[in-house]
Amino acid sequence: MSASTYVVRGMACGHCAAFVTEELETIAGVTGVAVDVESGTVTVTSDEVLHVAVVRVAVEEAGYELVPKT
């Protein structure tokens, strides 16, 4: 089991959270998604460690931007 938290730019409401959750749940191996709109973060739980590029594609498909870690 793996859990990773990402910063997502552009989320402002519950609808935003739903769009991001829906896209992330389509990734193979994802077992849970927890969005915190207030902090702009998403925590993804999965069977294995996910490659950040896969997460980025899903977030962008939902219409938002994954903020790179610095």
C-alpha atoms as a PDB file:
ATOM      1  CA  MET A   1       0.000   0.000   0.000  1.00  0.00           C
ATOM      2  CA  SER A   2       1.255   3.460  -0.886  1.00  0.00           C
ATOM      3  CA  ALA A   3      -0.092   6.946  -0.171  1.00  0.00           C
ATOM      4  CA  SER A   4       1.153  10.129  -1.821  1.00  0.00           C
ATOM      5  CA  THR A   5      -0.017  13.717  -1.470  1.00  0.00           C
ATOM      6  CA  TYR A   6       0.061  16.133  -4.388  1.00  0.00           C
ATOM      7  CA  VAL A   7      -0.632  19.847  -4.747  1.00  0.00           C
ATOM      8  CA  VAL A   8      -3.238  20.659  -7.394  1.00  0.00           C
ATOM      9  CA  ARG A   9      -3.700  24.205  -8.683  1.00  0.00           C
ATOM     10  CA  GLY A  10      -7.133  25.477  -9.693  1.00  0.00           C
ATOM     11  CA  MET A  11      -9.502  23.560  -7.408  1.00  0.00           C
ATOM     12  CA  ALA A  12     -12.038  25.862  -5.776  1.00  0.00           C
ATOM     13  CA  CYS A  13     -15.093  23.817  -4.781  1.00  0.00           C
ATOM     14  CA  GLY A  14     -16.645  20.412  -4.251  1.00  0.00           C
ATOM     15  CA  HIS A  15     -17.312  20.033  -7.972  1.00  0.00           C
ATOM     16  CA  CYS A  16     -13.606  20.523  -8.626  1.00  0.00           C
ATOM     17  CA  ALA A  17     -12.815  17.832  -6.065  1.00  0.00           C
ATOM     18  CA  ALA A  18     -15.291  15.467  -7.717  1.00  0.00           C
ATOM     19  CA  PHE A  19     -13.732  15.948 -11.165  1.00  0.00           C
ATOM     20  CA  VAL A  20     -10.214  15.308  -9.844  1.00  0.00           C
ATOM     21  CA  THR A  21     -11.363  12.299  -7.801  1.00  0.00           C
ATOM     22  CA  GLU A  22     -13.161  10.774 -10.782  1.00  0.00           C
ATOM     23  CA  GLU A  23     -10.089  11.008 -13.003  1.00  0.00           C
ATOM     24  CA  LEU A  24      -7.655   9.726 -10.373  1.00  0.00           C
ATOM     25  CA  GLU A  25      -9.883   6.742  -9.615  1.00  0.00           C
ATOM     26  CA  THR A  26      -9.461   5.580 -13.231  1.00  0.00           C
ATOM     27  CA  ILE A  27      -5.746   4.908 -12.632  1.00  0.00           C
ATOM     28  CA  ALA A  28      -5.043   1.203 -12.250  1.00  0.00           C
ATOM     29  CA  GLY A  29      -4.244   0.283  -8.656  1.00  0.00           C
ATOM     30  CA  VAL A  30      -5.760   3.380  -7.029  1.00  0.00           C
ATOM     31  CA  THR A  31      -7.698   2.365  -3.923  1.00  0.00           C
ATOM     32  CA  GLY A  32      -8.633   5.783  -2.544  1.00  0.00           C
ATOM     33  CA  VAL A  33      -8.590   9.508  -3.242  1.00  0.00           C
ATOM     34  CA  ALA A  34      -8.960  12.251  -0.621  1.00  0.00           C
ATOM     35  CA  VAL A  35      -9.199  15.841  -1.849  1.00  0.00           C
ATOM     36  CA  ASP A  36      -8.762  18.856   0.423  1.00  0.00           C
ATOM     37  CA  VAL A  37      -9.952  21.810  -1.643  1.00  0.00           C
ATOM     38  CA  GLU A  38      -9.034  24.311   1.066  1.00  0.00           C
ATOM     39  CA  SER A  39      -5.349  23.344   1.044  1.00  0.00           C
ATOM     40  CA  GLY A  40      -5.304  22.407  -2.652  1.00  0.00           C
ATOM     41  CA  THR A  41      -4.021  18.913  -1.970  1.00  0.00           C
ATOM     42  CA  VAL A  42      -4.969  15.436  -3.092  1.00  0.00           C
ATOM     43  CA  THR A  43      -3.877  12.263  -1.312  1.00  0.00           C
ATOM     44  CA  VAL A  44      -3.920   9.148  -3.470  1.00  0.00           C
ATOM     45  CA  THR A  45      -3.774   5.679  -1.941  1.00  0.00           C
ATOM     46  CA  SER A  46      -2.762   2.847  -4.245  1.00  0.00           C
ATOM     47  CA  ASP A  47      -1.594  -0.745  -4.316  1.00  0.00           C
ATOM     48  CA  GLU A  48       1.817   0.355  -5.621  1.00  0.00           C
ATOM     49  CA  VAL A  49       3.760   3.605  -5.899  1.00  0.00           C
ATOM     50  CA  LEU A  50       2.342   5.637  -8.789  1.00  0.00           C
ATOM     51  CA  HIS A  51       4.539   7.425 -11.286  1.00  0.00           C
ATOM     52  CA  VAL A  52       3.964  11.181 -11.003  1.00  0.00           C
ATOM     53  CA  ALA A  53       3.466  11.453 -14.779  1.00  0.00           C
ATOM     54  CA  VAL A  54       0.418   9.164 -14.555  1.00  0.00           C
ATOM     55  CA  VAL A  55      -1.053  11.297 -11.781  1.00  0.00           C
ATOM     56  CA  ARG A  56      -0.302  14.473 -13.745  1.00  0.00           C
ATOM     57  CA  VAL A  57      -2.163  13.201 -16.818  1.00  0.00           C
ATOM     58  CA  ALA A  58      -5.249  12.363 -14.743  1.00  0.00           C
ATOM     59  CA  VAL A  59      -5.236  15.759 -12.988  1.00  0.00           C
ATOM     60  CA  GLU A  60      -4.836  17.577 -16.313  1.00  0.00           C
ATOM     61  CA  GLU A  61      -7.634  15.489 -17.829  1.00  0.00           C
ATOM     62  CA  ALA A  62      -9.856  16.829 -15.042  1.00  0.00           C
ATOM     63  CA  GLY A  63      -8.865  20.375 -16.040  1.00  0.00           C
ATOM     64  CA  TYR A  64      -6.392  21.223 -13.278  1.00  0.00           C
ATOM     65  CA  GLU A  65      -2.632  21.489 -12.851  1.00  0.00           C
ATOM     66  CA  LEU A  66      -0.365  19.289 -10.754  1.00  0.00           C
ATOM     67  CA  VAL A  67       2.183  21.551  -9.058  1.00  0.00           C
ATOM     68  CA  PRO A  68       5.728  20.181  -9.265  1.00  0.00           C
ATOM     69  CA  LYS A  69       7.493  19.446  -6.001  1.00  0.00           C
ATOM     70  CA  THR A  70      10.355  21.813  -5.323  1.00  0.00           C
END
